[in-house]
């Protein structure tokens, strides 16, 4: 076995050990929580974006290096306390109708 193959094998084994230990820590330690401020970015019909301050939410998190059990790590949420949710406005037309109109215009040329 070559040196490069052995190095790759050790790296993969190390990552497996890291993930397994991190998962065990996430299972054994109680979950934490971080307060997150929500900001709504609402796109208007004239393509302007209106920002509205939302409520503060308490998000559950795990005390680990990697995300586990469907939750983000607490260190990540603590660094991203302000989160923006983008909402597009409804124009009243379906996207398929707009595509059909474009196709008809192209065929009539």
C-alpha atoms as a PDB file:
ATOM      1  CA  UNK A   1       0.000   0.000   0.000  1.00  0.00           C
ATOM      2  CA  UNK A   2       1.417   3.354  -1.033  1.00  0.00           C
ATOM      3  CA  UNK A   3       1.963   6.333   1.233  1.00  0.00           C
ATOM      4  CA  UNK A   4      -0.786   8.354  -0.427  1.00  0.00           C
ATOM      5  CA  UNK A   5      -3.315   5.538  -0.044  1.00  0.00           C
ATOM      6  CA  UNK A   6      -2.370   5.065   3.600  1.00  0.00           C
ATOM      7  CA  UNK A   7      -2.738   8.815   4.214  1.00  0.00           C
ATOM      8  CA  UNK A   8      -6.184   8.828   2.577  1.00  0.00           C
ATOM      9  CA  UNK A   9      -7.233   5.821   4.677  1.00  0.00           C
ATOM     10  CA  UNK A  10      -6.115   7.553   7.909  1.00  0.00           C
ATOM     11  CA  UNK A  11      -7.936  10.748   6.907  1.00  0.00           C
ATOM     12  CA  UNK A  12     -11.188   8.862   6.248  1.00  0.00           C
ATOM     13  CA  UNK A  13     -10.837   6.911   9.509  1.00  0.00           C
ATOM     14  CA  UNK A  14     -10.202  10.166  11.389  1.00  0.00           C
ATOM     15  CA  UNK A  15     -13.323  11.771   9.911  1.00  0.00           C
ATOM     16  CA  UNK A  16     -15.412   8.747  10.870  1.00  0.00           C
ATOM     17  CA  UNK A  17     -14.091   8.865  14.453  1.00  0.00           C
ATOM     18  CA  UNK A  18     -14.699  12.638  14.622  1.00  0.00           C
ATOM     19  CA  UNK A  19     -18.300  12.322  13.414  1.00  0.00           C
ATOM     20  CA  UNK A  20     -19.036   9.373  15.728  1.00  0.00           C
ATOM     21  CA  UNK A  21     -17.654  11.140  18.802  1.00  0.00           C
ATOM     22  CA  UNK A  22     -19.455  14.356  17.869  1.00  0.00           C
ATOM     23  CA  UNK A  23     -22.734  12.441  17.485  1.00  0.00           C
ATOM     24  CA  UNK A  24     -22.236  10.767  20.882  1.00  0.00           C
ATOM     25  CA  UNK A  25     -21.649  14.175  22.500  1.00  0.00           C
ATOM     26  CA  UNK A  26     -24.788  15.563  20.817  1.00  0.00           C
ATOM     27  CA  UNK A  27     -26.859  12.635  22.123  1.00  0.00           C
ATOM     28  CA  UNK A  28     -25.502  12.828  25.676  1.00  0.00           C
ATOM     29  CA  UNK A  29     -25.554  16.590  26.252  1.00  0.00           C
ATOM     30  CA  UNK A  30     -28.881  18.352  26.649  1.00  0.00           C
ATOM     31  CA  UNK A  31     -30.040  20.507  23.765  1.00  0.00           C
ATOM     32  CA  UNK A  32     -29.516  24.226  23.955  1.00  0.00           C
ATOM     33  CA  UNK A  33     -31.386  27.159  22.505  1.00  0.00           C
ATOM     34  CA  UNK A  34     -30.473  30.464  20.868  1.00  0.00           C
ATOM     35  CA  UNK A  35     -32.690  33.529  20.350  1.00  0.00           C
ATOM     36  CA  UNK A  36     -32.809  34.455  16.645  1.00  0.00           C
ATOM     37  CA  UNK A  37     -34.167  37.750  15.261  1.00  0.00           C
ATOM     38  CA  UNK A  38     -36.226  37.229  12.087  1.00  0.00           C
ATOM     39  CA  UNK A  39     -36.244  39.825   9.291  1.00  0.00           C
ATOM     40  CA  UNK A  40     -38.778  39.494   6.459  1.00  0.00           C
ATOM     41  CA  UNK A  41     -37.631  40.627   2.985  1.00  0.00           C
ATOM     42  CA  UNK A  42     -40.826  41.021   0.955  1.00  0.00           C
ATOM     43  CA  UNK A  43     -40.471  41.663  -2.773  1.00  0.00           C
ATOM     44  CA  UNK A  44     -43.103  44.122  -3.986  1.00  0.00           C
ATOM     45  CA  UNK A  45     -44.740  44.109  -7.435  1.00  0.00           C
ATOM     46  CA  UNK A  46     -42.527  46.998  -8.535  1.00  0.00           C
ATOM     47  CA  UNK A  47     -39.445  44.870  -7.648  1.00  0.00           C
ATOM     48  CA  UNK A  48     -38.601  46.891  -4.547  1.00  0.00           C
ATOM     49  CA  UNK A  49     -37.806  44.955  -1.403  1.00  0.00           C
ATOM     50  CA  UNK A  50     -39.623  45.899   1.788  1.00  0.00           C
ATOM     51  CA  UNK A  51     -37.915  44.808   5.018  1.00  0.00           C
ATOM     52  CA  UNK A  52     -40.044  44.147   8.081  1.00  0.00           C
ATOM     53  CA  UNK A  53     -38.841  43.147  11.500  1.00  0.00           C
ATOM     54  CA  UNK A  54     -40.301  39.854  12.635  1.00  0.00           C
ATOM     55  CA  UNK A  55     -40.547  38.249  16.037  1.00  0.00           C
ATOM     56  CA  UNK A  56     -37.643  36.856  17.986  1.00  0.00           C
ATOM     57  CA  UNK A  57     -37.695  33.060  17.874  1.00  0.00           C
ATOM     58  CA  UNK A  58     -36.001  30.626  20.208  1.00  0.00           C
ATOM     59  CA  UNK A  59     -34.349  27.987  18.040  1.00  0.00           C
ATOM     60  CA  UNK A  60     -33.225  24.640  19.492  1.00  0.00           C
ATOM     61  CA  UNK A  61     -29.621  23.655  18.856  1.00  0.00           C
ATOM     62  CA  UNK A  62     -27.099  20.952  19.755  1.00  0.00           C
ATOM     63  CA  UNK A  63     -23.785  21.449  21.527  1.00  0.00           C
ATOM     64  CA  UNK A  64     -21.552  19.830  18.919  1.00  0.00           C
ATOM     65  CA  UNK A  65     -19.268  20.671  16.012  1.00  0.00           C
ATOM     66  CA  UNK A  66     -21.588  19.374  13.289  1.00  0.00           C
ATOM     67  CA  UNK A  67     -25.385  19.436  12.838  1.00  0.00           C
ATOM     68  CA  UNK A  68     -27.085  16.372  14.333  1.00  0.00           C
ATOM     69  CA  UNK A  69     -30.628  15.213  15.077  1.00  0.00           C
ATOM     70  CA  UNK A  70     -32.078  17.812  12.704  1.00  0.00           C
ATOM     71  CA  UNK A  71     -30.674  20.800  14.626  1.00  0.00           C
ATOM     72  CA  UNK A  72     -27.929  23.274  13.850  1.00  0.00           C
ATOM     73  CA  UNK A  73     -24.939  23.570  16.179  1.00  0.00           C
ATOM     74  CA  UNK A  74     -25.287  26.220  18.890  1.00  0.00           C
ATOM     75  CA  UNK A  75     -22.004  27.884  17.861  1.00  0.00           C
ATOM     76  CA  UNK A  76     -23.424  28.425  14.348  1.00  0.00           C
ATOM     77  CA  UNK A  77     -26.733  29.884  15.509  1.00  0.00           C
ATOM     78  CA  UNK A  78     -24.947  32.143  17.991  1.00  0.00           C
ATOM     79  CA  UNK A  79     -22.984  33.622  15.079  1.00  0.00           C
ATOM     80  CA  UNK A  80     -26.087  33.984  12.884  1.00  0.00           C
ATOM     81  CA  UNK A  81     -28.607  35.560  15.265  1.00  0.00           C
ATOM     82  CA  UNK A  82     -30.140  37.724  12.523  1.00  0.00           C
ATOM     83  CA  UNK A  83     -31.835  35.662   9.813  1.00  0.00           C
ATOM     84  CA  UNK A  84     -33.649  36.964   6.733  1.00  0.00           C
ATOM     85  CA  UNK A  85     -36.595  35.153   5.138  1.00  0.00           C
ATOM     86  CA  UNK A  86     -37.286  36.209   1.533  1.00  0.00           C
ATOM     87  CA  UNK A  87     -40.880  36.251   0.299  1.00  0.00           C
ATOM     88  CA  UNK A  88     -41.828  36.958  -3.323  1.00  0.00           C
ATOM     89  CA  UNK A  89     -45.048  38.749  -4.168  1.00  0.00           C
ATOM     90  CA  UNK A  90     -47.832  36.983  -6.042  1.00  0.00           C
ATOM     91  CA  UNK A  91     -48.594  38.576  -9.418  1.00  0.00           C
ATOM     92  CA  UNK A  92     -51.886  36.791 -10.022  1.00  0.00           C
ATOM     93  CA  UNK A  93     -50.659  34.822 -13.060  1.00  0.00           C
ATOM     94  CA  UNK A  94     -49.363  31.330 -13.094  1.00  0.00           C
ATOM     95  CA  UNK A  95     -45.867  30.754 -14.411  1.00  0.00           C
ATOM     96  CA  UNK A  96     -47.224  28.321 -17.009  1.00  0.00           C
ATOM     97  CA  UNK A  97     -49.548  31.010 -18.360  1.00  0.00           C
ATOM     98  CA  UNK A  98     -46.618  33.399 -18.760  1.00  0.00           C
ATOM     99  CA  UNK A  99     -44.622  30.696 -20.587  1.00  0.00           C
ATOM    100  CA  UNK A 100     -47.548  30.010 -22.920  1.00  0.00           C
ATOM    101  CA  UNK A 101     -47.873  33.718 -23.689  1.00  0.00           C
ATOM    102  CA  UNK A 102     -44.145  33.910 -24.513  1.00  0.00           C
ATOM    103  CA  UNK A 103     -44.421  30.844 -26.760  1.00  0.00           C
ATOM    104  CA  UNK A 104     -47.426  32.294 -28.604  1.00  0.00           C
ATOM    105  CA  UNK A 105     -45.609  35.579 -29.175  1.00  0.00           C
ATOM    106  CA  UNK A 106     -42.566  33.730 -30.539  1.00  0.00           C
ATOM    107  CA  UNK A 107     -44.708  31.679 -32.939  1.00  0.00           C
ATOM    108  CA  UNK A 108     -46.591  34.748 -34.236  1.00  0.00           C
ATOM    109  CA  UNK A 109     -43.409  36.541 -35.263  1.00  0.00           C
END
